[in-house]
Amino acid sequence: MANIAQDPAVRSIALLRGINVGGNRKIPMADLRAWLDAAGFTDVRTYIQSGNVVVEHETKLDVASRVHDAIEEHSGLDVPVIVRTSQELSAIVAANPYHGVEPTRLHVSFLADVPDAVATKTANASDWAPEEFTMVGREVYLHLPEGMGRSVMVPRLKLIKNATTRNWNTVLALVDLGDEGDEVDLTQA
C-alpha cells in the first residue's frame, strides 16, 4: 500500500478498547506497529501494552476505520478504536476539572460520540460520593479516590459503557508522544 502520510500530516492517537486485558484479546505491540505501517501510517509508535498508538496520517483520513480494519485483517479481532488528534488530547489535558488530585486516582473515559441528554441526565442523577465524574464533550473525567479497582461508580456508570478508559499518567504520556514539537507544560495538568 502506498504511504498515506502526505502534507499536511496530522498526528493522532488511536485508543484501542479491550485488548491485552487479563490475558485476553492479545495483540503484540510490535505486530500492531507493523500492521499499521503496512496500512500506510507513518511514525507509528505504541505506548505500553494496552492499545495506545500514535500515528501520522493525511488530514482527511478516517483513522479509526483504517486502524480497525488493519487489526481485523491481521488478527481477526473486532477491536473498537477511538481516535483523538494530538491537539485534541492536549486540550483534554488542559480541560482537566480535577487539578491537584493524585494522578493515579484520575482517569479519562474516551467516547466515540457526545452522549445523549438522557444518558447524561441519568448519570448525573446518582450520588457517587466520594467518587465523581465530569463530562466535557466526548470525554468523561473520573475522580476515583479509592482507585479504579475499588470503584463503585465505574461498573454502574452506563455513560462510559462503550468508552475506552486511560489513567491520567497514560493520558499525559500520550500527549507527550503525540506532541508535534511544540512545548507542552504537563506540570500544570
N, C-alpha and C. Protein backbone atom coordinates (compact mmCIF):
# COMPACT_ATOMS: atom_id res chain seq x y z
N MET A 1 0.85 -1.18 0.00
CA MET A 1 0.00 0.00 0.00
C MET A 1 0.89 1.24 0.00
N ALA A 2 0.49 2.24 -0.70
CA ALA A 2 1.27 3.48 -0.77
C ALA A 2 1.22 4.19 0.57
N ASN A 3 2.25 4.92 0.83
CA ASN A 3 2.34 5.70 2.05
C ASN A 3 1.24 6.76 2.05
N ILE A 4 0.42 6.81 3.11
CA ILE A 4 -0.70 7.74 3.13
C ILE A 4 -0.38 9.06 3.79
N ALA A 5 0.77 9.17 4.44
CA ALA A 5 1.09 10.42 5.11
C ALA A 5 1.68 11.39 4.09
N GLN A 6 0.90 12.39 3.72
CA GLN A 6 1.33 13.43 2.80
C GLN A 6 1.00 14.75 3.46
N ASP A 7 1.67 15.82 3.03
CA ASP A 7 1.36 17.12 3.61
C ASP A 7 -0.07 17.48 3.32
N PRO A 8 -0.82 18.06 4.21
CA PRO A 8 -0.40 18.25 5.59
C PRO A 8 -0.64 16.99 6.42
N ALA A 9 0.32 16.63 7.22
CA ALA A 9 0.22 15.44 8.06
C ALA A 9 -0.35 15.81 9.42
N VAL A 10 -1.06 14.89 9.98
CA VAL A 10 -1.66 15.06 11.30
C VAL A 10 -1.15 13.91 12.16
N ARG A 11 -0.90 14.18 13.42
CA ARG A 11 -0.54 13.12 14.36
C ARG A 11 -1.75 12.85 15.24
N SER A 12 -2.13 11.59 15.30
CA SER A 12 -3.29 11.19 16.09
C SER A 12 -2.94 10.05 17.01
N ILE A 13 -3.77 9.90 18.02
CA ILE A 13 -3.61 8.82 18.98
C ILE A 13 -4.83 7.92 18.83
N ALA A 14 -4.58 6.65 18.52
CA ALA A 14 -5.64 5.65 18.43
C ALA A 14 -5.66 4.89 19.75
N LEU A 15 -6.82 4.85 20.37
CA LEU A 15 -7.03 4.17 21.65
C LEU A 15 -7.85 2.92 21.38
N LEU A 16 -7.24 1.78 21.56
CA LEU A 16 -7.90 0.51 21.29
C LEU A 16 -8.62 0.04 22.55
N ARG A 17 -9.83 -0.43 22.38
CA ARG A 17 -10.64 -0.83 23.53
C ARG A 17 -10.56 -2.34 23.74
N GLY A 18 -10.19 -2.72 24.96
CA GLY A 18 -10.31 -4.12 25.38
C GLY A 18 -9.28 -5.08 24.83
N ILE A 19 -8.06 -4.62 24.57
CA ILE A 19 -7.03 -5.58 24.16
C ILE A 19 -6.00 -5.74 25.26
N ASN A 20 -5.39 -6.91 25.29
CA ASN A 20 -4.32 -7.23 26.25
C ASN A 20 -4.73 -6.96 27.69
N VAL A 21 -6.00 -7.20 27.99
CA VAL A 21 -6.50 -7.02 29.35
C VAL A 21 -6.78 -8.40 29.94
N GLY A 22 -6.14 -8.72 31.02
CA GLY A 22 -6.35 -10.01 31.67
C GLY A 22 -5.97 -11.19 30.79
N GLY A 23 -5.01 -10.99 29.90
CA GLY A 23 -4.55 -12.07 29.05
C GLY A 23 -5.47 -12.37 27.87
N ASN A 24 -6.49 -11.55 27.67
CA ASN A 24 -7.44 -11.78 26.59
C ASN A 24 -7.19 -10.83 25.42
N ARG A 25 -7.65 -11.26 24.25
CA ARG A 25 -7.57 -10.44 23.04
C ARG A 25 -6.18 -9.85 22.87
N LYS A 26 -5.19 -10.74 22.86
CA LYS A 26 -3.79 -10.32 22.81
C LYS A 26 -3.38 -9.84 21.42
N ILE A 27 -2.74 -8.69 21.41
CA ILE A 27 -2.14 -8.15 20.20
C ILE A 27 -0.75 -7.65 20.59
N PRO A 28 0.29 -8.30 20.12
CA PRO A 28 1.65 -7.81 20.41
C PRO A 28 1.85 -6.44 19.76
N MET A 29 2.42 -5.51 20.51
CA MET A 29 2.58 -4.15 20.01
C MET A 29 3.52 -4.08 18.81
N ALA A 30 4.53 -4.94 18.75
CA ALA A 30 5.41 -4.96 17.58
C ALA A 30 4.62 -5.34 16.33
N ASP A 31 3.72 -6.30 16.45
CA ASP A 31 2.87 -6.69 15.33
C ASP A 31 1.95 -5.54 14.94
N LEU A 32 1.35 -4.91 15.93
CA LEU A 32 0.44 -3.79 15.67
C LEU A 32 1.16 -2.67 14.91
N ARG A 33 2.37 -2.34 15.34
CA ARG A 33 3.13 -1.30 14.64
C ARG A 33 3.38 -1.71 13.19
N ALA A 34 3.73 -2.96 12.97
CA ALA A 34 3.98 -3.43 11.61
C ALA A 34 2.71 -3.38 10.76
N TRP A 35 1.58 -3.78 11.33
CA TRP A 35 0.31 -3.76 10.60
C TRP A 35 -0.06 -2.34 10.18
N LEU A 36 0.13 -1.39 11.11
CA LEU A 36 -0.26 -0.01 10.82
C LEU A 36 0.73 0.64 9.85
N ASP A 37 1.98 0.26 9.95
CA ASP A 37 2.95 0.73 8.97
C ASP A 37 2.57 0.22 7.57
N ALA A 38 2.20 -1.05 7.50
CA ALA A 38 1.77 -1.64 6.22
C ALA A 38 0.49 -1.00 5.71
N ALA A 39 -0.34 -0.49 6.63
CA ALA A 39 -1.58 0.19 6.23
C ALA A 39 -1.31 1.61 5.75
N GLY A 40 -0.05 2.05 5.81
CA GLY A 40 0.32 3.34 5.26
C GLY A 40 0.55 4.45 6.24
N PHE A 41 0.38 4.19 7.53
CA PHE A 41 0.66 5.22 8.53
C PHE A 41 2.16 5.42 8.64
N THR A 42 2.58 6.58 9.10
CA THR A 42 4.00 6.83 9.33
C THR A 42 4.21 7.16 10.80
N ASP A 43 5.46 7.08 11.22
CA ASP A 43 5.85 7.39 12.59
C ASP A 43 4.94 6.68 13.60
N VAL A 44 4.74 5.38 13.39
CA VAL A 44 3.86 4.57 14.25
C VAL A 44 4.60 4.23 15.53
N ARG A 45 4.01 4.61 16.66
CA ARG A 45 4.59 4.31 17.97
C ARG A 45 3.50 3.83 18.90
N THR A 46 3.87 2.89 19.78
CA THR A 46 2.91 2.41 20.78
C THR A 46 3.41 2.77 22.17
N TYR A 47 2.46 2.83 23.09
CA TYR A 47 2.79 3.11 24.48
C TYR A 47 2.13 2.03 25.33
N ILE A 48 2.90 1.36 26.12
CA ILE A 48 2.55 0.20 26.93
C ILE A 48 1.71 -0.79 26.12
N GLN A 49 1.26 -1.83 26.76
CA GLN A 49 0.62 -2.95 26.06
C GLN A 49 -0.89 -2.84 25.94
N SER A 50 -1.48 -1.75 26.41
CA SER A 50 -2.94 -1.69 26.48
C SER A 50 -3.60 -1.00 25.30
N GLY A 51 -2.89 -0.88 24.18
CA GLY A 51 -3.56 -0.40 22.98
C GLY A 51 -3.55 1.11 22.81
N ASN A 52 -2.41 1.72 22.93
CA ASN A 52 -2.25 3.15 22.71
C ASN A 52 -1.27 3.32 21.56
N VAL A 53 -1.72 3.91 20.46
CA VAL A 53 -0.90 4.01 19.27
C VAL A 53 -0.90 5.45 18.75
N VAL A 54 0.29 5.97 18.49
CA VAL A 54 0.44 7.28 17.89
C VAL A 54 0.83 7.07 16.43
N VAL A 55 0.12 7.74 15.52
CA VAL A 55 0.39 7.61 14.09
C VAL A 55 0.36 8.98 13.42
N GLU A 56 1.06 9.07 12.31
CA GLU A 56 0.93 10.24 11.44
C GLU A 56 0.16 9.81 10.21
N HIS A 57 -0.65 10.74 9.67
CA HIS A 57 -1.52 10.41 8.54
C HIS A 57 -1.93 11.69 7.83
N GLU A 58 -2.54 11.51 6.66
CA GLU A 58 -3.07 12.66 5.94
C GLU A 58 -4.28 13.21 6.67
N THR A 59 -4.57 14.46 6.44
CA THR A 59 -5.59 15.17 7.18
C THR A 59 -6.97 14.53 7.13
N LYS A 60 -7.43 14.13 5.99
CA LYS A 60 -8.82 13.68 5.83
C LYS A 60 -9.05 12.19 6.08
N LEU A 61 -8.06 11.48 6.50
CA LEU A 61 -8.16 10.03 6.67
C LEU A 61 -9.07 9.66 7.85
N ASP A 62 -9.89 8.63 7.68
CA ASP A 62 -10.68 8.05 8.77
C ASP A 62 -9.77 7.08 9.52
N VAL A 63 -9.06 7.61 10.49
CA VAL A 63 -8.04 6.84 11.21
C VAL A 63 -8.65 5.66 11.95
N ALA A 64 -9.78 5.87 12.62
CA ALA A 64 -10.39 4.78 13.39
C ALA A 64 -10.71 3.58 12.49
N SER A 65 -11.30 3.84 11.34
CA SER A 65 -11.64 2.75 10.42
C SER A 65 -10.39 2.06 9.87
N ARG A 66 -9.39 2.85 9.52
CA ARG A 66 -8.16 2.27 8.94
C ARG A 66 -7.46 1.40 9.98
N VAL A 67 -7.37 1.88 11.24
CA VAL A 67 -6.72 1.10 12.29
C VAL A 67 -7.54 -0.16 12.58
N HIS A 68 -8.85 0.00 12.72
CA HIS A 68 -9.74 -1.14 12.97
C HIS A 68 -9.57 -2.21 11.89
N ASP A 69 -9.61 -1.78 10.64
CA ASP A 69 -9.54 -2.73 9.53
C ASP A 69 -8.19 -3.45 9.49
N ALA A 70 -7.10 -2.74 9.77
CA ALA A 70 -5.78 -3.38 9.78
C ALA A 70 -5.70 -4.44 10.88
N ILE A 71 -6.24 -4.13 12.05
CA ILE A 71 -6.23 -5.09 13.16
C ILE A 71 -7.08 -6.31 12.80
N GLU A 72 -8.27 -6.07 12.28
CA GLU A 72 -9.16 -7.18 11.94
C GLU A 72 -8.56 -8.06 10.84
N GLU A 73 -7.93 -7.44 9.85
CA GLU A 73 -7.32 -8.19 8.76
C GLU A 73 -6.22 -9.11 9.25
N HIS A 74 -5.39 -8.62 10.19
CA HIS A 74 -4.22 -9.40 10.62
C HIS A 74 -4.47 -10.30 11.83
N SER A 75 -5.45 -9.93 12.67
CA SER A 75 -5.66 -10.72 13.89
C SER A 75 -7.01 -11.41 13.95
N GLY A 76 -7.94 -10.95 13.13
CA GLY A 76 -9.30 -11.49 13.20
C GLY A 76 -10.13 -10.88 14.31
N LEU A 77 -9.55 -9.97 15.08
CA LEU A 77 -10.26 -9.35 16.19
C LEU A 77 -11.01 -8.09 15.75
N ASP A 78 -12.22 -7.95 16.26
CA ASP A 78 -13.03 -6.75 16.02
C ASP A 78 -12.81 -5.82 17.21
N VAL A 79 -11.86 -4.90 17.07
CA VAL A 79 -11.45 -4.04 18.19
C VAL A 79 -11.97 -2.62 17.98
N PRO A 80 -12.81 -2.14 18.89
CA PRO A 80 -13.23 -0.75 18.79
C PRO A 80 -12.03 0.19 18.92
N VAL A 81 -12.02 1.25 18.11
CA VAL A 81 -10.92 2.21 18.09
C VAL A 81 -11.50 3.61 18.23
N ILE A 82 -10.97 4.36 19.18
CA ILE A 82 -11.35 5.76 19.36
C ILE A 82 -10.11 6.60 19.11
N VAL A 83 -10.27 7.67 18.34
CA VAL A 83 -9.12 8.47 17.92
C VAL A 83 -9.28 9.92 18.37
N ARG A 84 -8.16 10.48 18.82
CA ARG A 84 -8.06 11.91 19.09
C ARG A 84 -6.78 12.41 18.45
N THR A 85 -6.84 13.60 17.86
CA THR A 85 -5.60 14.19 17.35
C THR A 85 -4.74 14.60 18.54
N SER A 86 -3.47 14.85 18.27
CA SER A 86 -2.60 15.28 19.37
C SER A 86 -3.08 16.61 19.95
N GLN A 87 -3.63 17.48 19.12
CA GLN A 87 -4.16 18.76 19.62
C GLN A 87 -5.38 18.53 20.50
N GLU A 88 -6.25 17.61 20.09
CA GLU A 88 -7.42 17.30 20.92
C GLU A 88 -6.99 16.73 22.26
N LEU A 89 -6.00 15.85 22.26
CA LEU A 89 -5.53 15.26 23.51
C LEU A 89 -4.92 16.32 24.42
N SER A 90 -4.18 17.25 23.87
CA SER A 90 -3.64 18.36 24.67
C SER A 90 -4.78 19.19 25.28
N ALA A 91 -5.84 19.41 24.51
CA ALA A 91 -6.99 20.17 25.02
C ALA A 91 -7.70 19.40 26.13
N ILE A 92 -7.72 18.08 26.03
CA ILE A 92 -8.33 17.25 27.08
C ILE A 92 -7.55 17.42 28.39
N VAL A 93 -6.24 17.44 28.30
CA VAL A 93 -5.41 17.66 29.49
C VAL A 93 -5.68 19.06 30.07
N ALA A 94 -5.75 20.05 29.21
CA ALA A 94 -5.99 21.42 29.67
C ALA A 94 -7.36 21.58 30.33
N ALA A 95 -8.33 20.77 29.90
CA ALA A 95 -9.69 20.87 30.44
C ALA A 95 -9.90 20.07 31.72
N ASN A 96 -8.87 19.43 32.23
CA ASN A 96 -8.99 18.61 33.45
C ASN A 96 -9.69 19.38 34.56
N PRO A 97 -10.84 18.91 35.02
CA PRO A 97 -11.56 19.61 36.09
C PRO A 97 -11.08 19.25 37.50
N TYR A 98 -10.14 18.32 37.60
CA TYR A 98 -9.70 17.83 38.90
C TYR A 98 -8.23 18.14 39.15
N HIS A 99 -7.86 19.39 39.02
CA HIS A 99 -6.47 19.80 39.26
C HIS A 99 -6.07 19.47 40.70
N GLY A 100 -4.87 18.96 40.85
CA GLY A 100 -4.34 18.71 42.18
C GLY A 100 -4.67 17.36 42.78
N VAL A 101 -5.52 16.55 42.13
CA VAL A 101 -5.80 15.23 42.69
C VAL A 101 -4.65 14.29 42.33
N GLU A 102 -4.51 13.25 43.12
CA GLU A 102 -3.47 12.24 42.87
C GLU A 102 -3.68 11.66 41.47
N PRO A 103 -2.65 11.73 40.60
CA PRO A 103 -2.81 11.26 39.22
C PRO A 103 -3.24 9.80 39.09
N THR A 104 -2.90 8.97 40.06
CA THR A 104 -3.31 7.56 39.98
C THR A 104 -4.79 7.39 40.29
N ARG A 105 -5.44 8.44 40.75
CA ARG A 105 -6.87 8.40 41.08
C ARG A 105 -7.72 9.13 40.06
N LEU A 106 -7.09 9.54 38.96
CA LEU A 106 -7.78 10.27 37.91
C LEU A 106 -7.70 9.47 36.61
N HIS A 107 -8.82 9.33 35.93
CA HIS A 107 -8.91 8.60 34.67
C HIS A 107 -9.75 9.41 33.69
N VAL A 108 -9.57 9.11 32.42
CA VAL A 108 -10.40 9.71 31.39
C VAL A 108 -10.99 8.60 30.55
N SER A 109 -12.32 8.63 30.41
CA SER A 109 -13.00 7.70 29.52
C SER A 109 -13.27 8.44 28.21
N PHE A 110 -12.81 7.84 27.12
CA PHE A 110 -12.94 8.43 25.80
C PHE A 110 -14.12 7.79 25.09
N LEU A 111 -15.05 8.62 24.63
CA LEU A 111 -16.24 8.15 23.93
C LEU A 111 -16.12 8.46 22.45
N ALA A 112 -16.76 7.66 21.61
CA ALA A 112 -16.75 7.92 20.18
C ALA A 112 -17.58 9.17 19.85
N ASP A 113 -18.66 9.37 20.58
CA ASP A 113 -19.56 10.50 20.33
C ASP A 113 -19.97 11.15 21.64
N VAL A 114 -20.48 12.35 21.56
CA VAL A 114 -21.03 13.02 22.74
C VAL A 114 -22.26 12.23 23.17
N PRO A 115 -22.38 11.89 24.45
CA PRO A 115 -23.53 11.10 24.90
C PRO A 115 -24.83 11.90 24.79
N ASP A 116 -25.92 11.16 24.63
CA ASP A 116 -27.22 11.84 24.52
C ASP A 116 -27.63 12.41 25.88
N ALA A 117 -28.58 13.32 25.85
CA ALA A 117 -29.02 14.04 27.04
C ALA A 117 -29.61 13.11 28.10
N VAL A 118 -30.31 12.06 27.69
CA VAL A 118 -30.92 11.13 28.65
C VAL A 118 -29.84 10.40 29.44
N ALA A 119 -28.82 9.90 28.76
CA ALA A 119 -27.73 9.20 29.44
C ALA A 119 -27.01 10.13 30.41
N THR A 120 -26.80 11.35 29.99
CA THR A 120 -26.14 12.34 30.84
C THR A 120 -26.98 12.66 32.07
N LYS A 121 -28.27 12.88 31.87
CA LYS A 121 -29.17 13.20 32.98
C LYS A 121 -29.24 12.05 33.97
N THR A 122 -29.33 10.83 33.47
CA THR A 122 -29.38 9.65 34.33
C THR A 122 -28.11 9.52 35.16
N ALA A 123 -26.97 9.71 34.52
CA ALA A 123 -25.69 9.60 35.23
C ALA A 123 -25.56 10.68 36.30
N ASN A 124 -26.00 11.88 35.98
CA ASN A 124 -25.90 12.99 36.94
C ASN A 124 -26.89 12.87 38.10
N ALA A 125 -27.92 12.04 37.95
CA ALA A 125 -28.93 11.89 38.99
C ALA A 125 -28.45 11.07 40.18
N SER A 126 -27.38 10.33 40.00
CA SER A 126 -26.88 9.46 41.07
C SER A 126 -25.82 10.18 41.90
N ASP A 127 -25.80 9.85 43.19
CA ASP A 127 -24.77 10.38 44.08
C ASP A 127 -23.70 9.30 44.23
N TRP A 128 -22.53 9.58 43.70
CA TRP A 128 -21.45 8.60 43.70
C TRP A 128 -20.39 8.90 44.76
N ALA A 129 -20.62 9.87 45.61
CA ALA A 129 -19.61 10.32 46.58
C ALA A 129 -18.98 9.13 47.32
N PRO A 130 -17.67 9.16 47.50
CA PRO A 130 -16.74 10.25 47.23
C PRO A 130 -16.25 10.28 45.79
N GLU A 131 -16.69 9.32 44.97
CA GLU A 131 -16.29 9.31 43.57
C GLU A 131 -17.09 10.38 42.83
N GLU A 132 -16.47 10.87 41.75
CA GLU A 132 -17.16 11.89 40.97
C GLU A 132 -16.70 11.82 39.52
N PHE A 133 -17.54 12.35 38.65
CA PHE A 133 -17.18 12.42 37.23
C PHE A 133 -17.62 13.76 36.67
N THR A 134 -16.94 14.16 35.61
CA THR A 134 -17.30 15.37 34.88
C THR A 134 -17.22 15.06 33.40
N MET A 135 -18.28 15.39 32.70
CA MET A 135 -18.31 15.21 31.25
C MET A 135 -17.90 16.50 30.57
N VAL A 136 -16.98 16.38 29.62
CA VAL A 136 -16.58 17.52 28.81
C VAL A 136 -16.52 17.00 27.37
N GLY A 137 -17.51 17.34 26.57
CA GLY A 137 -17.55 16.86 25.18
C GLY A 137 -17.66 15.35 25.10
N ARG A 138 -16.66 14.72 24.47
CA ARG A 138 -16.67 13.27 24.30
C ARG A 138 -15.83 12.57 25.35
N GLU A 139 -15.44 13.29 26.39
CA GLU A 139 -14.63 12.70 27.45
C GLU A 139 -15.37 12.75 28.78
N VAL A 140 -15.12 11.72 29.60
CA VAL A 140 -15.65 11.69 30.95
C VAL A 140 -14.43 11.56 31.87
N TYR A 141 -14.22 12.58 32.69
CA TYR A 141 -13.13 12.57 33.67
C TYR A 141 -13.65 11.88 34.91
N LEU A 142 -12.91 10.92 35.42
CA LEU A 142 -13.30 10.14 36.58
C LEU A 142 -12.33 10.38 37.72
N HIS A 143 -12.83 10.91 38.83
CA HIS A 143 -12.01 11.05 40.03
C HIS A 143 -12.43 9.93 40.97
N LEU A 144 -11.49 9.00 41.21
CA LEU A 144 -11.78 7.79 41.97
C LEU A 144 -10.84 7.72 43.17
N PRO A 145 -11.21 8.32 44.32
CA PRO A 145 -10.32 8.39 45.46
C PRO A 145 -9.82 7.04 45.97
N GLU A 146 -10.59 5.98 45.78
CA GLU A 146 -10.18 4.65 46.23
C GLU A 146 -9.55 3.83 45.09
N GLY A 147 -9.44 4.42 43.91
CA GLY A 147 -8.83 3.74 42.77
C GLY A 147 -9.85 3.05 41.89
N MET A 148 -9.42 2.71 40.69
CA MET A 148 -10.30 2.06 39.70
C MET A 148 -10.78 0.70 40.19
N GLY A 149 -9.90 -0.08 40.77
CA GLY A 149 -10.25 -1.43 41.19
C GLY A 149 -11.30 -1.50 42.28
N ARG A 150 -11.43 -0.45 43.06
CA ARG A 150 -12.41 -0.42 44.15
C ARG A 150 -13.61 0.47 43.84
N SER A 151 -13.70 0.94 42.62
CA SER A 151 -14.76 1.87 42.25
C SER A 151 -16.13 1.21 42.28
N VAL A 152 -17.07 1.92 42.88
CA VAL A 152 -18.48 1.52 42.85
C VAL A 152 -19.13 2.15 41.63
N MET A 153 -18.71 3.37 41.29
CA MET A 153 -19.33 4.13 40.21
C MET A 153 -19.02 3.54 38.83
N VAL A 154 -17.77 3.22 38.56
CA VAL A 154 -17.36 2.85 37.19
C VAL A 154 -18.18 1.69 36.62
N PRO A 155 -18.36 0.57 37.33
CA PRO A 155 -19.14 -0.51 36.70
C PRO A 155 -20.61 -0.17 36.49
N ARG A 156 -21.11 0.83 37.21
CA ARG A 156 -22.53 1.19 37.12
C ARG A 156 -22.80 2.41 36.24
N LEU A 157 -21.75 3.10 35.83
CA LEU A 157 -21.91 4.33 35.06
C LEU A 157 -22.10 3.97 33.58
N LYS A 158 -23.36 3.83 33.17
CA LYS A 158 -23.68 3.41 31.81
C LYS A 158 -23.17 4.39 30.76
N LEU A 159 -22.94 5.60 31.18
CA LEU A 159 -22.42 6.65 30.29
C LEU A 159 -21.11 6.23 29.63
N ILE A 160 -20.30 5.41 30.32
CA ILE A 160 -18.99 5.03 29.80
C ILE A 160 -18.94 3.56 29.34
N LYS A 161 -20.10 2.96 29.18
CA LYS A 161 -20.18 1.54 28.81
C LYS A 161 -19.37 1.21 27.56
N ASN A 162 -19.42 2.03 26.55
CA ASN A 162 -18.72 1.77 25.29
C ASN A 162 -17.47 2.62 25.13
N ALA A 163 -16.99 3.16 26.21
CA ALA A 163 -15.80 4.01 26.17
C ALA A 163 -14.55 3.16 26.34
N THR A 164 -13.42 3.78 26.10
CA THR A 164 -12.14 3.19 26.49
C THR A 164 -11.52 4.16 27.47
N THR A 165 -10.99 3.65 28.57
CA THR A 165 -10.54 4.50 29.67
C THR A 165 -9.04 4.37 29.85
N ARG A 166 -8.41 5.51 30.14
CA ARG A 166 -6.97 5.55 30.41
C ARG A 166 -6.74 6.30 31.71
N ASN A 167 -5.73 5.87 32.47
CA ASN A 167 -5.39 6.60 33.68
C ASN A 167 -4.68 7.90 33.29
N TRP A 168 -4.61 8.83 34.22
CA TRP A 168 -4.09 10.16 33.92
C TRP A 168 -2.63 10.12 33.49
N ASN A 169 -1.83 9.27 34.12
CA ASN A 169 -0.42 9.19 33.72
C ASN A 169 -0.28 8.73 32.28
N THR A 170 -1.12 7.81 31.85
CA THR A 170 -1.10 7.37 30.45
C THR A 170 -1.52 8.49 29.53
N VAL A 171 -2.56 9.23 29.90
CA VAL A 171 -3.00 10.37 29.08
C VAL A 171 -1.86 11.37 28.91
N LEU A 172 -1.16 11.68 30.01
CA LEU A 172 -0.04 12.62 29.93
C LEU A 172 1.08 12.08 29.04
N ALA A 173 1.37 10.79 29.15
CA ALA A 173 2.41 10.18 28.31
C ALA A 173 2.01 10.23 26.84
N LEU A 174 0.73 10.03 26.55
CA LEU A 174 0.27 10.07 25.16
C LEU A 174 0.33 11.49 24.60
N VAL A 175 0.06 12.48 25.43
CA VAL A 175 0.22 13.87 24.98
C VAL A 175 1.67 14.11 24.61
N ASP A 176 2.57 13.62 25.44
CA ASP A 176 3.99 13.79 25.17
C ASP A 176 4.39 13.10 23.87
N LEU A 177 3.92 11.86 23.67
CA LEU A 177 4.22 11.13 22.44
C LEU A 177 3.61 11.78 21.21
N GLY A 178 2.44 12.37 21.39
CA GLY A 178 1.75 12.99 20.27
C GLY A 178 2.18 14.41 20.00
N ASP A 179 3.01 14.94 20.87
CA ASP A 179 3.49 16.31 20.70
C ASP A 179 4.22 16.45 19.37
N GLU A 180 3.86 17.44 18.61
CA GLU A 180 4.46 17.63 17.29
C GLU A 180 5.61 18.63 17.33
N GLY A 181 6.28 18.73 18.46
CA GLY A 181 7.42 19.63 18.55
C GLY A 181 7.13 20.87 19.35
N ASP A 182 5.85 21.14 19.62
CA ASP A 182 5.53 22.30 20.45
C ASP A 182 5.84 21.96 21.90
N GLU A 183 6.24 22.94 22.67
CA GLU A 183 6.49 22.72 24.08
C GLU A 183 5.15 22.56 24.78
N VAL A 184 5.01 21.50 25.54
CA VAL A 184 3.79 21.23 26.30
C VAL A 184 4.19 21.17 27.75
N ASP A 185 3.55 22.00 28.60
CA ASP A 185 3.86 22.01 30.02
C ASP A 185 2.87 21.11 30.74
N LEU A 186 3.29 19.86 31.00
CA LEU A 186 2.39 18.90 31.66
C LEU A 186 2.36 19.08 33.16
N THR A 187 3.22 19.91 33.72
CA THR A 187 3.22 20.11 35.16
C THR A 187 1.98 20.85 35.61
N GLN A 188 1.34 21.58 34.72
CA GLN A 188 0.13 22.34 35.06
C GLN A 188 -1.13 21.52 34.90
N ALA A 189 -1.01 20.30 34.44
CA ALA A 189 -2.19 19.47 34.16
C ALA A 189 -2.76 18.87 35.41
